[in-house]
Structures are given as structure tokens and as C-alpha cells.
C-alpha atoms as a PDB file:
ATOM      1  CA  UNK A   1      23.602  24.788  15.443  1.00  0.00           C
ATOM      2  CA  UNK A   2      20.261  26.648  15.153  1.00  0.00           C
ATOM      3  CA  UNK A   3      18.538  26.637  12.059  1.00  0.00           C
ATOM      4  CA  UNK A   4      17.818  30.423  12.058  1.00  0.00           C
ATOM      5  CA  UNK A   5      21.702  30.896  12.013  1.00  0.00           C
ATOM      6  CA  UNK A   6      22.141  29.058   8.705  1.00  0.00           C
ATOM      7  CA  UNK A   7      23.186  31.316   5.738  1.00  0.00           C
ATOM      8  CA  UNK A   8      23.342  30.209   2.038  1.00  0.00           C
ATOM      9  CA  UNK A   9      26.440  30.355   0.253  1.00  0.00           C
ATOM     10  CA  UNK A  10      25.285  29.135  -3.250  1.00  0.00           C
ATOM     11  CA  UNK A  11      22.925  26.493  -4.741  1.00  0.00           C
ATOM     12  CA  UNK A  12      23.051  24.329  -7.968  1.00  0.00           C
ATOM     13  CA  UNK A  13      21.007  22.007 -10.045  1.00  0.00           C
ATOM     14  CA  UNK A  14      23.076  18.667 -11.375  1.00  0.00           C
ATOM     15  CA  UNK A  15      21.812  16.646 -14.493  1.00  0.00           C
ATOM     16  CA  UNK A  16      23.761  13.532 -15.592  1.00  0.00           C
ATOM     17  CA  UNK A  17      26.311  14.373 -18.305  1.00  0.00           C
ATOM     18  CA  UNK A  18      28.647  11.607 -18.802  1.00  0.00           C
ATOM     19  CA  UNK A  19      29.840   8.851 -16.449  1.00  0.00           C
ATOM     20  CA  UNK A  20      33.388  10.232 -16.266  1.00  0.00           C
ATOM     21  CA  UNK A  21      34.803  10.681 -12.494  1.00  0.00           C
ATOM     22  CA  UNK A  22      34.386  14.388 -11.701  1.00  0.00           C
ATOM     23  CA  UNK A  23      37.160  16.079  -9.816  1.00  0.00           C
ATOM     24  CA  UNK A  24      37.633  15.924  -6.125  1.00  0.00           C
ATOM     25  CA  UNK A  25      36.557  18.916  -4.473  1.00  0.00           C
ATOM     26  CA  UNK A  26      35.576  20.421  -1.020  1.00  0.00           C
ATOM     27  CA  UNK A  27      33.599  23.399   0.123  1.00  0.00           C
ATOM     28  CA  UNK A  28      34.041  25.726   2.993  1.00  0.00           C
ATOM     29  CA  UNK A  29      30.918  25.417   4.194  1.00  0.00           C
ATOM     30  CA  UNK A  30      28.712  22.100   4.597  1.00  0.00           C
ATOM     31  CA  UNK A  31      26.857  20.735   1.820  1.00  0.00           C
ATOM     32  CA  UNK A  32      23.240  19.335   1.372  1.00  0.00           C
ATOM     33  CA  UNK A  33      22.636  17.212  -1.680  1.00  0.00           C
ATOM     34  CA  UNK A  34      19.349  16.017  -2.635  1.00  0.00           C
ATOM     35  CA  UNK A  35      19.025  13.164  -5.111  1.00  0.00           C
ATOM     36  CA  UNK A  36      15.802  13.682  -6.796  1.00  0.00           C
ATOM     37  CA  UNK A  37      16.287  10.888  -9.072  1.00  0.00           C
ATOM     38  CA  UNK A  38      19.008   8.061 -10.276  1.00  0.00           C
ATOM     39  CA  UNK A  39      21.805   6.598  -8.490  1.00  0.00           C
ATOM     40  CA  UNK A  40      25.484   7.443  -7.873  1.00  0.00           C
ATOM     41  CA  UNK A  41      28.406   6.879  -5.580  1.00  0.00           C
ATOM     42  CA  UNK A  42      30.089   9.553  -3.679  1.00  0.00           C
ATOM     43  CA  UNK A  43      33.670   9.276  -2.193  1.00  0.00           C
ATOM     44  CA  UNK A  44      35.208  11.187   0.490  1.00  0.00           C
ATOM     45  CA  UNK A  45      39.035  11.692   1.054  1.00  0.00           C
ATOM     46  CA  UNK A  46      38.388  10.089   4.648  1.00  0.00           C
ATOM     47  CA  UNK A  47      38.177   6.821   2.979  1.00  0.00           C
ATOM     48  CA  UNK A  48      34.369   6.676   3.001  1.00  0.00           C
ATOM     49  CA  UNK A  49      31.667   5.899   0.287  1.00  0.00           C
ATOM     50  CA  UNK A  50      27.925   5.981  -0.017  1.00  0.00           C
ATOM     51  CA  UNK A  51      25.494   4.742  -2.550  1.00  0.00           C
ATOM     52  CA  UNK A  52      23.111   7.392  -3.179  1.00  0.00           C
ATOM     53  CA  UNK A  53      19.719   6.983  -4.365  1.00  0.00           C
ATOM     54  CA  UNK A  54      16.407   8.967  -4.887  1.00  0.00           C
ATOM     55  CA  UNK A  55      15.134  10.622  -1.788  1.00  0.00           C
ATOM     56  CA  UNK A  56      18.400  10.470  -0.050  1.00  0.00           C
ATOM     57  CA  UNK A  57      20.118  13.807   1.121  1.00  0.00           C
ATOM     58  CA  UNK A  58      23.664  13.659   1.577  1.00  0.00           C
ATOM     59  CA  UNK A  59      25.264  15.714   4.425  1.00  0.00           C
ATOM     60  CA  UNK A  60      28.734  16.466   3.856  1.00  0.00           C
ATOM     61  CA  UNK A  61      30.879  18.669   6.648  1.00  0.00           C
ATOM     62  CA  UNK A  62      32.875  21.656   5.782  1.00  0.00           C
ATOM     63  CA  UNK A  63      36.079  21.213   3.993  1.00  0.00           C
ATOM     64  CA  UNK A  64      35.919  17.231   3.506  1.00  0.00           C
ATOM     65  CA  UNK A  65      36.842  16.674  -0.332  1.00  0.00           C
ATOM     66  CA  UNK A  66      34.517  14.392  -2.280  1.00  0.00           C
ATOM     67  CA  UNK A  67      33.627  13.345  -5.806  1.00  0.00           C
ATOM     68  CA  UNK A  68      30.489  12.014  -7.493  1.00  0.00           C
ATOM     69  CA  UNK A  69      30.830   9.219  -9.992  1.00  0.00           C
ATOM     70  CA  UNK A  70      29.258   6.275 -11.485  1.00  0.00           C
ATOM     71  CA  UNK A  71      26.214   8.267 -12.075  1.00  0.00           C
ATOM     72  CA  UNK A  72      23.142   6.410 -13.905  1.00  0.00           C
ATOM     73  CA  UNK A  73      21.517   8.216 -16.862  1.00  0.00           C
ATOM     74  CA  UNK A  74      18.669   9.613 -15.163  1.00  0.00           C
ATOM     75  CA  UNK A  75      20.706  10.823 -11.925  1.00  0.00           C
ATOM     76  CA  UNK A  76      19.559  14.496 -11.029  1.00  0.00           C
ATOM     77  CA  UNK A  77      20.377  16.219  -7.742  1.00  0.00           C
ATOM     78  CA  UNK A  78      19.822  19.703  -5.906  1.00  0.00           C
ATOM     79  CA  UNK A  79      22.592  20.931  -3.865  1.00  0.00           C
ATOM     80  CA  UNK A  80      22.996  23.763  -1.305  1.00  0.00           C
ATOM     81  CA  UNK A  81      26.430  24.960   0.188  1.00  0.00           C
ATOM     82  CA  UNK A  82      26.151  27.033   3.317  1.00  0.00           C
ATOM     83  CA  UNK A  83      28.386  29.708   4.229  1.00  0.00           C
ATOM     84  CA  UNK A  84      30.936  29.253   7.245  1.00  0.00           C
ATOM     85  CA  UNK A  85      29.634  29.966  10.348  1.00  0.00           C
ATOM     86  CA  UNK A  86      31.321  30.995  13.661  1.00  0.00           C
ATOM     87  CA  UNK A  87      28.808  28.990  15.660  1.00  0.00           C
ATOM     88  CA  UNK A  88      29.561  25.691  13.894  1.00  0.00           C
ATOM     89  CA  UNK A  89      29.662  22.816  16.281  1.00  0.00           C
ATOM     90  CA  UNK A  90      31.230  19.503  15.095  1.00  0.00           C
ATOM     91  CA  UNK A  91      28.367  17.023  14.471  1.00  0.00           C
ATOM     92  CA  UNK A  92      25.841  19.457  13.311  1.00  0.00           C
ATOM     93  CA  UNK A  93      26.867  18.702   9.802  1.00  0.00           C
ATOM     94  CA  UNK A  94      28.462  15.349  10.351  1.00  0.00           C
ATOM     95  CA  UNK A  95      28.764  13.073   7.228  1.00  0.00           C
ATOM     96  CA  UNK A  96      25.696  10.967   6.619  1.00  0.00           C
ATOM     97  CA  UNK A  97      22.664   9.872   4.519  1.00  0.00           C
ATOM     98  CA  UNK A  98      19.414  10.942   5.718  1.00  0.00           C
ATOM     99  CA  UNK A  99      16.333   9.168   3.935  1.00  0.00           C
ATOM    100  CA  UNK A 100      13.270  11.370   3.247  1.00  0.00           C
ATOM    101  CA  UNK A 101      11.209   8.494   2.277  1.00  0.00           C
ATOM    102  CA  UNK A 102       8.039  10.109   0.908  1.00  0.00           C
ATOM    103  CA  UNK A 103       8.327  13.798   2.230  1.00  0.00           C
ATOM    104  CA  UNK A 104       7.544  15.643  -0.604  1.00  0.00           C
ATOM    105  CA  UNK A 105       7.677  18.871   1.362  1.00  0.00           C
ATOM    106  CA  UNK A 106      11.567  18.481   2.217  1.00  0.00           C
ATOM    107  CA  UNK A 107      11.804  17.585  -1.793  1.00  0.00           C
ATOM    108  CA  UNK A 108      10.269  20.871  -3.147  1.00  0.00           C
ATOM    109  CA  UNK A 109      11.902  23.234  -0.264  1.00  0.00           C
ATOM    110  CA  UNK A 110      15.248  21.921  -1.708  1.00  0.00           C
ATOM    111  CA  UNK A 111      13.989  22.907  -5.347  1.00  0.00           C
ATOM    112  CA  UNK A 112      12.617  26.294  -4.057  1.00  0.00           C
ATOM    113  CA  UNK A 113      16.111  27.448  -2.035  1.00  0.00           C
ATOM    114  CA  UNK A 114      17.557  26.908  -5.452  1.00  0.00           C
ATOM    115  CA  UNK A 115      15.441  29.093  -7.521  1.00  0.00           C
ATOM    116  CA  UNK A 116      15.233  31.611  -4.735  1.00  0.00           C
ATOM    117  CA  UNK A 117      19.058  31.761  -4.913  1.00  0.00           C
ATOM    118  CA  UNK A 118      18.950  32.014  -8.948  1.00  0.00           C
ATOM    119  CA  UNK A 119      16.590  35.015  -8.538  1.00  0.00           C
ATOM    120  CA  UNK A 120      19.105  36.661  -6.071  1.00  0.00           C
ATOM    121  CA  UNK A 121      16.731  36.343  -2.887  1.00  0.00           C
ATOM    122  CA  UNK A 122      19.556  35.274  -0.582  1.00  0.00           C
ATOM    123  CA  UNK A 123      17.747  36.272   2.499  1.00  0.00           C
ATOM    124  CA  UNK A 124      14.531  34.343   1.585  1.00  0.00           C
ATOM    125  CA  UNK A 125      16.731  31.348   0.450  1.00  0.00           C
ATOM    126  CA  UNK A 126      18.454  31.324   3.817  1.00  0.00           C
ATOM    127  CA  UNK A 127      15.342  31.477   5.804  1.00  0.00           C
ATOM    128  CA  UNK A 128      13.868  28.887   3.847  1.00  0.00           C
ATOM    129  CA  UNK A 129      17.197  26.813   4.418  1.00  0.00           C
ATOM    130  CA  UNK A 130      16.630  26.849   8.011  1.00  0.00           C
ATOM    131  CA  UNK A 131      13.412  25.463   7.889  1.00  0.00           C
ATOM    132  CA  UNK A 132      14.731  22.825   5.435  1.00  0.00           C
ATOM    133  CA  UNK A 133      17.275  21.729   7.687  1.00  0.00           C
ATOM    134  CA  UNK A 134      15.000  21.608  10.748  1.00  0.00           C
ATOM    135  CA  UNK A 135      12.697  19.433   8.890  1.00  0.00           C
ATOM    136  CA  UNK A 136      15.664  17.175   7.762  1.00  0.00           C
ATOM    137  CA  UNK A 137      16.717  16.802  11.579  1.00  0.00           C
ATOM    138  CA  UNK A 138      13.034  15.784  12.314  1.00  0.00           C
ATOM    139  CA  UNK A 139      12.682  13.244   9.505  1.00  0.00           C
ATOM    140  CA  UNK A 140      16.088  11.683  10.832  1.00  0.00           C
ATOM    141  CA  UNK A 141      14.872  11.735  14.411  1.00  0.00           C
ATOM    142  CA  UNK A 142      11.754   9.852  13.677  1.00  0.00           C
ATOM    143  CA  UNK A 143      13.543   7.404  11.532  1.00  0.00           C
ATOM    144  CA  UNK A 144      15.945   6.784  14.509  1.00  0.00           C
ATOM    145  CA  UNK A 145      12.931   6.199  16.719  1.00  0.00           C
ATOM    146  CA  UNK A 146      11.415   3.798  14.466  1.00  0.00           C
ATOM    147  CA  UNK A 147      14.773   1.644  14.295  1.00  0.00           C
ATOM    148  CA  UNK A 148      14.120   1.086  18.093  1.00  0.00           C
ATOM    149  CA  UNK A 149      10.625  -0.294  17.353  1.00  0.00           C
ATOM    150  CA  UNK A 150      10.068  -3.735  17.852  1.00  0.00           C
ATOM    151  CA  UNK A 151      10.208  -5.406  14.237  1.00  0.00           C
ATOM    152  CA  UNK A 152       6.472  -6.171  14.242  1.00  0.00           C
ATOM    153  CA  UNK A 153       5.479  -2.814  15.432  1.00  0.00           C
ATOM    154  CA  UNK A 154       7.650  -1.378  12.511  1.00  0.00           C
ATOM    155  CA  UNK A 155       6.153  -3.672   9.986  1.00  0.00           C
ATOM    156  CA  UNK A 156       2.835  -2.833  11.218  1.00  0.00           C
ATOM    157  CA  UNK A 157       3.464   0.861  11.146  1.00  0.00           C
ATOM    158  CA  UNK A 158       5.026   0.781   7.677  1.00  0.00           C
ATOM    159  CA  UNK A 159       1.935  -1.302   6.345  1.00  0.00           C
ATOM    160  CA  UNK A 160      -0.784   0.939   7.766  1.00  0.00           C
ATOM    161  CA  UNK A 161       1.214   3.939   6.172  1.00  0.00           C
ATOM    162  CA  UNK A 162       1.190   2.666   2.667  1.00  0.00           C
ATOM    163  CA  UNK A 163      -2.088   0.836   3.057  1.00  0.00           C
ATOM    164  CA  UNK A 164      -4.718   2.772   5.339  1.00  0.00           C
ATOM    165  CA  UNK A 165      -6.980   3.074   2.768  1.00  0.00           C
ATOM    166  CA  UNK A 166      -7.526  -0.625   2.710  1.00  0.00           C
ATOM    167  CA  UNK A 167      -9.668  -2.942   4.796  1.00  0.00           C
ATOM    168  CA  UNK A 168      -7.068  -3.521   7.294  1.00  0.00           C
ATOM    169  CA  UNK A 169      -8.014  -5.620  10.392  1.00  0.00           C
ATOM    170  CA  UNK A 170      -5.903  -6.069  13.459  1.00  0.00           C
ATOM    171  CA  UNK A 171      -5.898  -9.938  13.112  1.00  0.00           C
ATOM    172  CA  UNK A 172      -4.741  -9.307   9.695  1.00  0.00           C
ATOM    173  CA  UNK A 173      -1.931  -6.878  10.622  1.00  0.00           C
ATOM    174  CA  UNK A 174      -0.898  -9.190  13.448  1.00  0.00           C
ATOM    175  CA  UNK A 175      -0.883 -12.420  10.819  1.00  0.00           C
ATOM    176  CA  UNK A 176       1.223 -10.133   8.398  1.00  0.00           C
ATOM    177  CA  UNK A 177       3.753  -9.541  11.322  1.00  0.00           C
ATOM    178  CA  UNK A 178       4.069 -12.996  12.601  1.00  0.00           C
ATOM    179  CA  UNK A 179       2.652 -11.809  16.236  1.00  0.00           C
ATOM    180  CA  UNK A 180      -0.581 -12.458  18.102  1.00  0.00           C
ATOM    181  CA  UNK A 181      -3.236  -9.893  18.406  1.00  0.00           C
ATOM    182  CA  UNK A 182      -2.552  -9.329  21.959  1.00  0.00           C
ATOM    183  CA  UNK A 183       1.096  -8.825  21.597  1.00  0.00           C
ATOM    184  CA  UNK A 184       0.383  -6.197  18.360  1.00  0.00           C
ATOM    185  CA  UNK A 185      -2.124  -4.475  20.736  1.00  0.00           C
ATOM    186  CA  UNK A 186       0.318  -4.263  23.771  1.00  0.00           C
ATOM    187  CA  UNK A 187       3.259  -3.058  21.447  1.00  0.00           C
ATOM    188  CA  UNK A 188       0.824  -0.297  19.915  1.00  0.00           C
ATOM    189  CA  UNK A 189      -0.590   0.714  23.282  1.00  0.00           C
ATOM    190  CA  UNK A 190       3.176   0.833  24.810  1.00  0.00           C
ATOM    191  CA  UNK A 191       4.616   3.105  21.944  1.00  0.00           C
ATOM    192  CA  UNK A 192       1.497   5.132  20.887  1.00  0.00           C
ATOM    193  CA  UNK A 193      -0.847   4.987  23.972  1.00  0.00           C
ATOM    194  CA  UNK A 194      -3.539   3.737  21.628  1.00  0.00           C
ATOM    195  CA  UNK A 195      -4.471   0.334  19.768  1.00  0.00           C
ATOM    196  CA  UNK A 196      -3.815  -0.285  15.994  1.00  0.00           C
ATOM    197  CA  UNK A 197      -7.313   0.454  15.291  1.00  0.00           C
ATOM    198  CA  UNK A 198      -7.013   4.055  16.679  1.00  0.00           C
ATOM    199  CA  UNK A 199      -3.899   4.804  14.908  1.00  0.00           C
ATOM    200  CA  UNK A 200      -5.005   3.304  11.661  1.00  0.00           C
ATOM    201  CA  UNK A 201      -8.033   5.981  12.404  1.00  0.00           C
ATOM    202  CA  UNK A 202      -5.612   8.696  12.954  1.00  0.00           C
ATOM    203  CA  UNK A 203      -4.089   7.873   9.592  1.00  0.00           C
ATOM    204  CA  UNK A 204      -7.155   8.069   7.870  1.00  0.00           C
ATOM    205  CA  UNK A 205      -8.332  11.428   9.469  1.00  0.00           C
ATOM    206  CA  UNK A 206      -4.874  13.157   8.919  1.00  0.00           C
ATOM    207  CA  UNK A 207      -5.382  12.195   5.099  1.00  0.00           C
ATOM    208  CA  UNK A 208      -9.012  13.201   5.124  1.00  0.00           C
ATOM    209  CA  UNK A 209      -8.137  16.856   6.532  1.00  0.00           C
ATOM    210  CA  UNK A 210      -5.898  17.247   3.928  1.00  0.00           C
ATOM    211  CA  UNK A 211      -8.218  16.215   1.038  1.00  0.00           C
ATOM    212  CA  UNK A 212     -11.166  18.124   2.764  1.00  0.00           C
ATOM    213  CA  UNK A 213      -8.989  21.424   2.101  1.00  0.00           C
ATOM    214  CA  UNK A 214      -9.089  20.745  -1.602  1.00  0.00           C
ATOM    215  CA  UNK A 215     -12.719  21.830  -3.091  1.00  0.00           C
ATOM    216  CA  UNK A 216     -11.801  19.667  -5.941  1.00  0.00           C
ATOM    217  CA  UNK A 217     -12.825  16.528  -4.125  1.00  0.00           C
ATOM    218  CA  UNK A 218     -16.437  15.785  -3.028  1.00  0.00           C
ATOM    219  CA  UNK A 219     -17.012  14.381   0.292  1.00  0.00           C
ATOM    220  CA  UNK A 220     -17.769  11.066  -1.081  1.00  0.00           C
ATOM    221  CA  UNK A 221     -14.364  10.888  -2.986  1.00  0.00           C
ATOM    222  CA  UNK A 222     -12.602  11.957   0.343  1.00  0.00           C
ATOM    223  CA  UNK A 223     -14.463   8.983   2.015  1.00  0.00           C
ATOM    224  CA  UNK A 224     -13.270   6.722  -0.812  1.00  0.00           C
ATOM    225  CA  UNK A 225      -9.777   7.793  -0.728  1.00  0.00           C
ATOM    226  CA  UNK A 226      -9.119   7.348   2.780  1.00  0.00           C
ATOM    227  CA  UNK A 227     -10.842   3.801   3.298  1.00  0.00           C
ATOM    228  CA  UNK A 228     -14.503   4.425   4.110  1.00  0.00           C
ATOM    229  CA  UNK A 229     -17.031   2.362   1.885  1.00  0.00           C
ATOM    230  CA  UNK A 230     -19.764   5.021   2.126  1.00  0.00           C
ATOM    231  CA  UNK A 231     -19.715   8.833   2.524  1.00  0.00           C
ATOM    232  CA  UNK A 232     -22.266   8.514   5.632  1.00  0.00           C
ATOM    233  CA  UNK A 233     -20.085   5.908   7.242  1.00  0.00           C
ATOM    234  CA  UNK A 234     -17.392   8.534   7.002  1.00  0.00           C
ATOM    235  CA  UNK A 235     -19.189  11.431   7.813  1.00  0.00           C
ATOM    236  CA  UNK A 236     -20.090   9.752  11.187  1.00  0.00           C
ATOM    237  CA  UNK A 237     -16.734   8.556  11.721  1.00  0.00           C
ATOM    238  CA  UNK A 238     -15.274  12.140  11.104  1.00  0.00           C
ATOM    239  CA  UNK A 239     -17.717  13.825  13.423  1.00  0.00           C
ATOM    240  CA  UNK A 240     -17.068  11.075  16.202  1.00  0.00           C
ATOM    241  CA  UNK A 241     -13.169  11.918  15.893  1.00  0.00           C
ATOM    242  CA  UNK A 242     -13.416  15.809  15.411  1.00  0.00           C
ATOM    243  CA  UNK A 243     -16.903  16.731  16.713  1.00  0.00           C
ATOM    244  CA  UNK A 244     -17.818  18.444  13.694  1.00  0.00           C
ATOM    245  CA  UNK A 245     -18.942  17.335  10.094  1.00  0.00           C
ATOM    246  CA  UNK A 246     -16.595  17.176   7.139  1.00  0.00           C
ATOM    247  CA  UNK A 247     -18.507  20.272   5.731  1.00  0.00           C
ATOM    248  CA  UNK A 248     -18.088  21.908   8.574  1.00  0.00           C
ATOM    249  CA  UNK A 249     -14.339  21.332   8.960  1.00  0.00           C
ATOM    250  CA  UNK A 250     -13.791  22.343   5.190  1.00  0.00           C
ATOM    251  CA  UNK A 251     -15.626  25.802   5.851  1.00  0.00           C
ATOM    252  CA  UNK A 252     -13.592  26.358   8.983  1.00  0.00           C
ATOM    253  CA  UNK A 253     -10.181  24.475   9.377  1.00  0.00           C
ATOM    254  CA  UNK A 254      -9.021  26.768  11.944  1.00  0.00           C
ATOM    255  CA  UNK A 255     -11.805  26.414  14.221  1.00  0.00           C
ATOM    256  CA  UNK A 256     -12.058  22.618  14.133  1.00  0.00           C
ATOM    257  CA  UNK A 257      -8.559  21.057  13.294  1.00  0.00           C
ATOM    258  CA  UNK A 258      -7.617  20.666  16.833  1.00  0.00           C
ATOM    259  CA  UNK A 259     -10.898  18.993  18.011  1.00  0.00           C
ATOM    260  CA  UNK A 260     -10.405  15.269  18.883  1.00  0.00           C
ATOM    261  CA  UNK A 261     -13.203  13.534  20.833  1.00  0.00           C
ATOM    262  CA  UNK A 262     -11.455  10.213  21.245  1.00  0.00           C
ATOM    263  CA  UNK A 263     -14.911   8.282  20.828  1.00  0.00           C
ATOM    264  CA  UNK A 264     -14.886   4.656  19.478  1.00  0.00           C
END
């Protein structure tokens, strides 16, 4: 189903009240439930059951009866129910969990769709719902791609994503992943067309671009947060990567954001 054909029926916000089993229920349209905090189980009359935790999104197809129970005291969810659609195709909203990981944007959009619905701005809420669904599918697709990674590559990518600001060496990464440096280099080049050093630099530069757009951070603070020991070294690396200084990028991101020079 195309994301721009989605229409919101209603939205809700659930906070734990008691631990009694809730009533089995179903919806005419598909339901998306974002688990903001806590834990619960969701049981379906198809016989399937899911353990749902924070940063999970549970996708429930239209008409499938279900109930949520065994909630922890901090259980909190946002739920969005879609209108029936004549262009619905089986599989679009098949029963499954999508792990958001650290994607704060999708999490925030759940809340915003709810608030728009509460303010009776249904058209805008539906438009944002379409963007949210597209983002969920992209997150799911990236996760599926990563499941096909070599275990050492997956471990290295996850480690770099969490610790890009640290002094990570290729030899240290290889040791953590229990492979040789040559094998790790081969895995990165085969998957990303760049080596581990360039991949790490791209993570640091992505975060640097984000921080530079916030004037609360001085250039030196940006450098430190993305793993550079000095502002001067960061400025040289940023200019080598983008062709402009951090200050120039801060003053004109639309002009410079897409410049990449690929100079080591």
C-alpha cells in the first residue's frame, strides 16, 4: 500500500492501570502500536503471542482479535488505528514486530500523530502517518539487510554506531570481532565500497553535520563529541571530507551538505 493512501481512523495513548487481562478486541483497520516504555505480552486469536518491549512497534492486520496483558508498571504505548482501505493488499500490514532501535524520529512521530488526532487535525495526522509508515518500512528493510551481514561485519557496524566518538582502530575492531584485519577490510569494501576507517569517518561526519546546525555547540565541542582530539584536526578533516570548513557549513548547509571529496 502506498503511504500517501493511508488514512487514520483514531489514535490513543495507553498507560498501565492494573495487571488484569484486557478484553480481546479487534479493529476494522490495521493497528500500529509503539511501545515507549516497559514490557507486555500481546496474544492473538491466531494462536501467536509476542513479547513487546520499549522501542518495538507491533503491526496488527485488520480484523485480527488480540489482547495486551502481563504489563509491567511502566508500560506505556501509543497506538494508531487505520481506516479500512479498498487498496489494502495482504502482507502490507502482516502481523510482526519492528524494532526501532534508537530511531527517535519515528518514536516522536507516533506522539505527534496522536496529538494531531486529539486536536481534530485528521488530514495532517494522516499525512504524517504516511511518512511514519514509510519510515517504519525503511527501518525494517535496513534491519533485514543487516541480518544478512557476515557476523563480524554486523558486530563491527553495531560497535562503530555506538562508539564512533572513541579512538577505534581497525586492528582493535578486528580483534573485537575475532577476525583478521584483512578479512574485516574485505567485508567492509564488499558491503559498503569503503574500508572501516572511511566508514567510521562517515559516521563521525554525519553526527558533526547534525551538531553544527545547533549553534549552542562551539566547533571545539562538536569536534570532541564526534571523536576528534582537537578542533584544528577536526576542521582539517571536515574540510577534506566536505571541501569547506565547519564554520562555512554551519552558515550555509544547503550549499555544502552534499559535497564529499573522498580525500583520505
